[in-house]
Amino acid sequence: MITKDTFDTLLDRTAIAALMYTPELATGEGVVSLSEHVAFVLEELDVPDEHAARIRDLVTATIVDPTSHRFVLYAHLVELVDDEE
């Protein structure tokens, strides 16, 4: 389970990373790589180990192609939110 704060932060950071990610500039000095964008999204969040790999994959896919993957990420995170919080 994840908290509502983690849910909100994951979505906010993924949106920012998707806006900032520029695949045609994926190499070069001063360019932020896809893996660095994903690390930014997941940085210091309380994500359970059993869900971390799936969330990382969905975040990566959403950054690269937000239109195709954002709802899948959103739906997966909704399933993980702790309703008792």
C-alpha atoms as a PDB file:
ATOM      1  CA  MET A   1       0.000   0.000   0.000  1.00  0.00           C
ATOM      2  CA  ILE A   2       1.012   3.613  -0.536  1.00  0.00           C
ATOM      3  CA  THR A   3      -0.150   6.784   1.147  1.00  0.00           C
ATOM      4  CA  LYS A   4      -2.189   9.491  -0.546  1.00  0.00           C
ATOM      5  CA  ASP A   5       0.860  11.765  -0.314  1.00  0.00           C
ATOM      6  CA  THR A   6       3.015   9.195  -2.135  1.00  0.00           C
ATOM      7  CA  PHE A   7       0.262   8.791  -4.752  1.00  0.00           C
ATOM      8  CA  ASP A   8       0.124  12.548  -5.338  1.00  0.00           C
ATOM      9  CA  THR A   9       3.910  12.909  -5.438  1.00  0.00           C
ATOM     10  CA  LEU A  10       4.325  10.034  -7.899  1.00  0.00           C
ATOM     11  CA  LEU A  11       1.782  11.534 -10.288  1.00  0.00           C
ATOM     12  CA  ASP A  12       3.119  15.085  -9.932  1.00  0.00           C
ATOM     13  CA  ARG A  13       6.734  14.097 -10.475  1.00  0.00           C
ATOM     14  CA  THR A  14       5.876  11.793 -13.381  1.00  0.00           C
ATOM     15  CA  ALA A  15       4.036  14.644 -15.085  1.00  0.00           C
ATOM     16  CA  ILE A  16       7.004  16.978 -14.608  1.00  0.00           C
ATOM     17  CA  ALA A  17       9.453  14.349 -15.875  1.00  0.00           C
ATOM     18  CA  ALA A  18       7.271  13.629 -18.919  1.00  0.00           C
ATOM     19  CA  LEU A  19       7.178  17.334 -19.771  1.00  0.00           C
ATOM     20  CA  MET A  20      10.936  17.689 -19.392  1.00  0.00           C
ATOM     21  CA  TYR A  21      12.021  14.453 -21.113  1.00  0.00           C
ATOM     22  CA  THR A  22      13.357  15.052 -24.608  1.00  0.00           C
ATOM     23  CA  PRO A  23      14.376  11.779 -26.281  1.00  0.00           C
ATOM     24  CA  GLU A  24      16.105  13.473 -29.192  1.00  0.00           C
ATOM     25  CA  LEU A  25      18.472  15.038 -26.653  1.00  0.00           C
ATOM     26  CA  ALA A  26      19.071  11.784 -24.797  1.00  0.00           C
ATOM     27  CA  THR A  27      22.851  12.098 -24.941  1.00  0.00           C
ATOM     28  CA  GLY A  28      25.277  14.889 -24.336  1.00  0.00           C
ATOM     29  CA  GLU A  29      26.633  16.988 -21.561  1.00  0.00           C
ATOM     30  CA  GLY A  30      24.077  18.496 -19.216  1.00  0.00           C
ATOM     31  CA  VAL A  31      21.232  16.359 -20.563  1.00  0.00           C
ATOM     32  CA  VAL A  32      19.083  14.492 -18.052  1.00  0.00           C
ATOM     33  CA  SER A  33      18.724  10.832 -19.045  1.00  0.00           C
ATOM     34  CA  LEU A  34      15.551   8.796 -18.821  1.00  0.00           C
ATOM     35  CA  SER A  35      16.963   6.849 -15.871  1.00  0.00           C
ATOM     36  CA  GLU A  36      17.672  10.145 -14.074  1.00  0.00           C
ATOM     37  CA  HIS A  37      14.087  11.272 -14.679  1.00  0.00           C
ATOM     38  CA  VAL A  38      12.790   7.996 -13.238  1.00  0.00           C
ATOM     39  CA  ALA A  39      15.129   8.316 -10.249  1.00  0.00           C
ATOM     40  CA  PHE A  40      13.766  11.837  -9.654  1.00  0.00           C
ATOM     41  CA  VAL A  41      10.197  10.523  -9.636  1.00  0.00           C
ATOM     42  CA  LEU A  42      10.942   7.720  -7.170  1.00  0.00           C
ATOM     43  CA  GLU A  43      13.407   9.645  -4.998  1.00  0.00           C
ATOM     44  CA  GLU A  44      12.799   9.248  -1.259  1.00  0.00           C
ATOM     45  CA  LEU A  45       9.287   7.835  -1.648  1.00  0.00           C
ATOM     46  CA  ASP A  46       7.884   5.093   0.530  1.00  0.00           C
ATOM     47  CA  VAL A  47       7.091   2.511  -2.158  1.00  0.00           C
ATOM     48  CA  PRO A  48       6.748  -1.100  -0.958  1.00  0.00           C
ATOM     49  CA  ASP A  49       9.440  -3.392  -2.376  1.00  0.00           C
ATOM     50  CA  GLU A  50       6.866  -5.770  -3.857  1.00  0.00           C
ATOM     51  CA  HIS A  51       5.458  -2.943  -6.001  1.00  0.00           C
ATOM     52  CA  ALA A  52       8.629  -0.984  -6.777  1.00  0.00           C
ATOM     53  CA  ALA A  53       9.564  -2.741 -10.041  1.00  0.00           C
ATOM     54  CA  ARG A  54       6.048  -2.425 -11.515  1.00  0.00           C
ATOM     55  CA  ILE A  55       5.792   1.241 -10.513  1.00  0.00           C
ATOM     56  CA  ARG A  56       9.254   1.925 -11.968  1.00  0.00           C
ATOM     57  CA  ASP A  57       8.215   0.288 -15.265  1.00  0.00           C
ATOM     58  CA  LEU A  58       4.955   2.247 -15.430  1.00  0.00           C
ATOM     59  CA  VAL A  59       6.662   5.536 -14.564  1.00  0.00           C
ATOM     60  CA  THR A  60       9.277   4.915 -17.269  1.00  0.00           C
ATOM     61  CA  ALA A  61       6.630   4.107 -19.877  1.00  0.00           C
ATOM     62  CA  THR A  62       4.572   7.158 -18.895  1.00  0.00           C
ATOM     63  CA  ILE A  63       7.549   9.510 -19.163  1.00  0.00           C
ATOM     64  CA  VAL A  64       8.376   8.189 -22.640  1.00  0.00           C
ATOM     65  CA  ASP A  65       4.780   8.116 -23.936  1.00  0.00           C
ATOM     66  CA  PRO A  66       2.358   9.845 -21.557  1.00  0.00           C
ATOM     67  CA  THR A  67      -0.673   9.539 -23.817  1.00  0.00           C
ATOM     68  CA  SER A  68      -0.424   5.763 -24.054  1.00  0.00           C
ATOM     69  CA  HIS A  69       0.505   4.980 -20.458  1.00  0.00           C
ATOM     70  CA  ARG A  70      -0.771   7.608 -18.024  1.00  0.00           C
ATOM     71  CA  PHE A  71      -4.085   5.915 -17.297  1.00  0.00           C
ATOM     72  CA  VAL A  72      -2.422   2.553 -16.612  1.00  0.00           C
ATOM     73  CA  LEU A  73      -0.069   4.224 -14.120  1.00  0.00           C
ATOM     74  CA  TYR A  74      -2.943   6.118 -12.511  1.00  0.00           C
ATOM     75  CA  ALA A  75      -5.140   3.014 -12.220  1.00  0.00           C
ATOM     76  CA  HIS A  76      -2.306   0.952 -10.734  1.00  0.00           C
ATOM     77  CA  LEU A  77      -1.537   3.617  -8.132  1.00  0.00           C
ATOM     78  CA  VAL A  78      -5.225   3.958  -7.222  1.00  0.00           C
ATOM     79  CA  GLU A  79      -5.251   0.233  -6.422  1.00  0.00           C
ATOM     80  CA  LEU A  80      -2.298   0.720  -4.073  1.00  0.00           C
ATOM     81  CA  VAL A  81      -3.577   3.695  -2.067  1.00  0.00           C
ATOM     82  CA  ASP A  82      -4.278   2.872   1.545  1.00  0.00           C
ATOM     83  CA  ASP A  83      -8.009   3.581   1.981  1.00  0.00           C
ATOM     84  CA  GLU A  84      -7.696   3.737   5.756  1.00  0.00           C
ATOM     85  CA  GLU A  85      -5.323   6.681   5.760  1.00  0.00           C
END
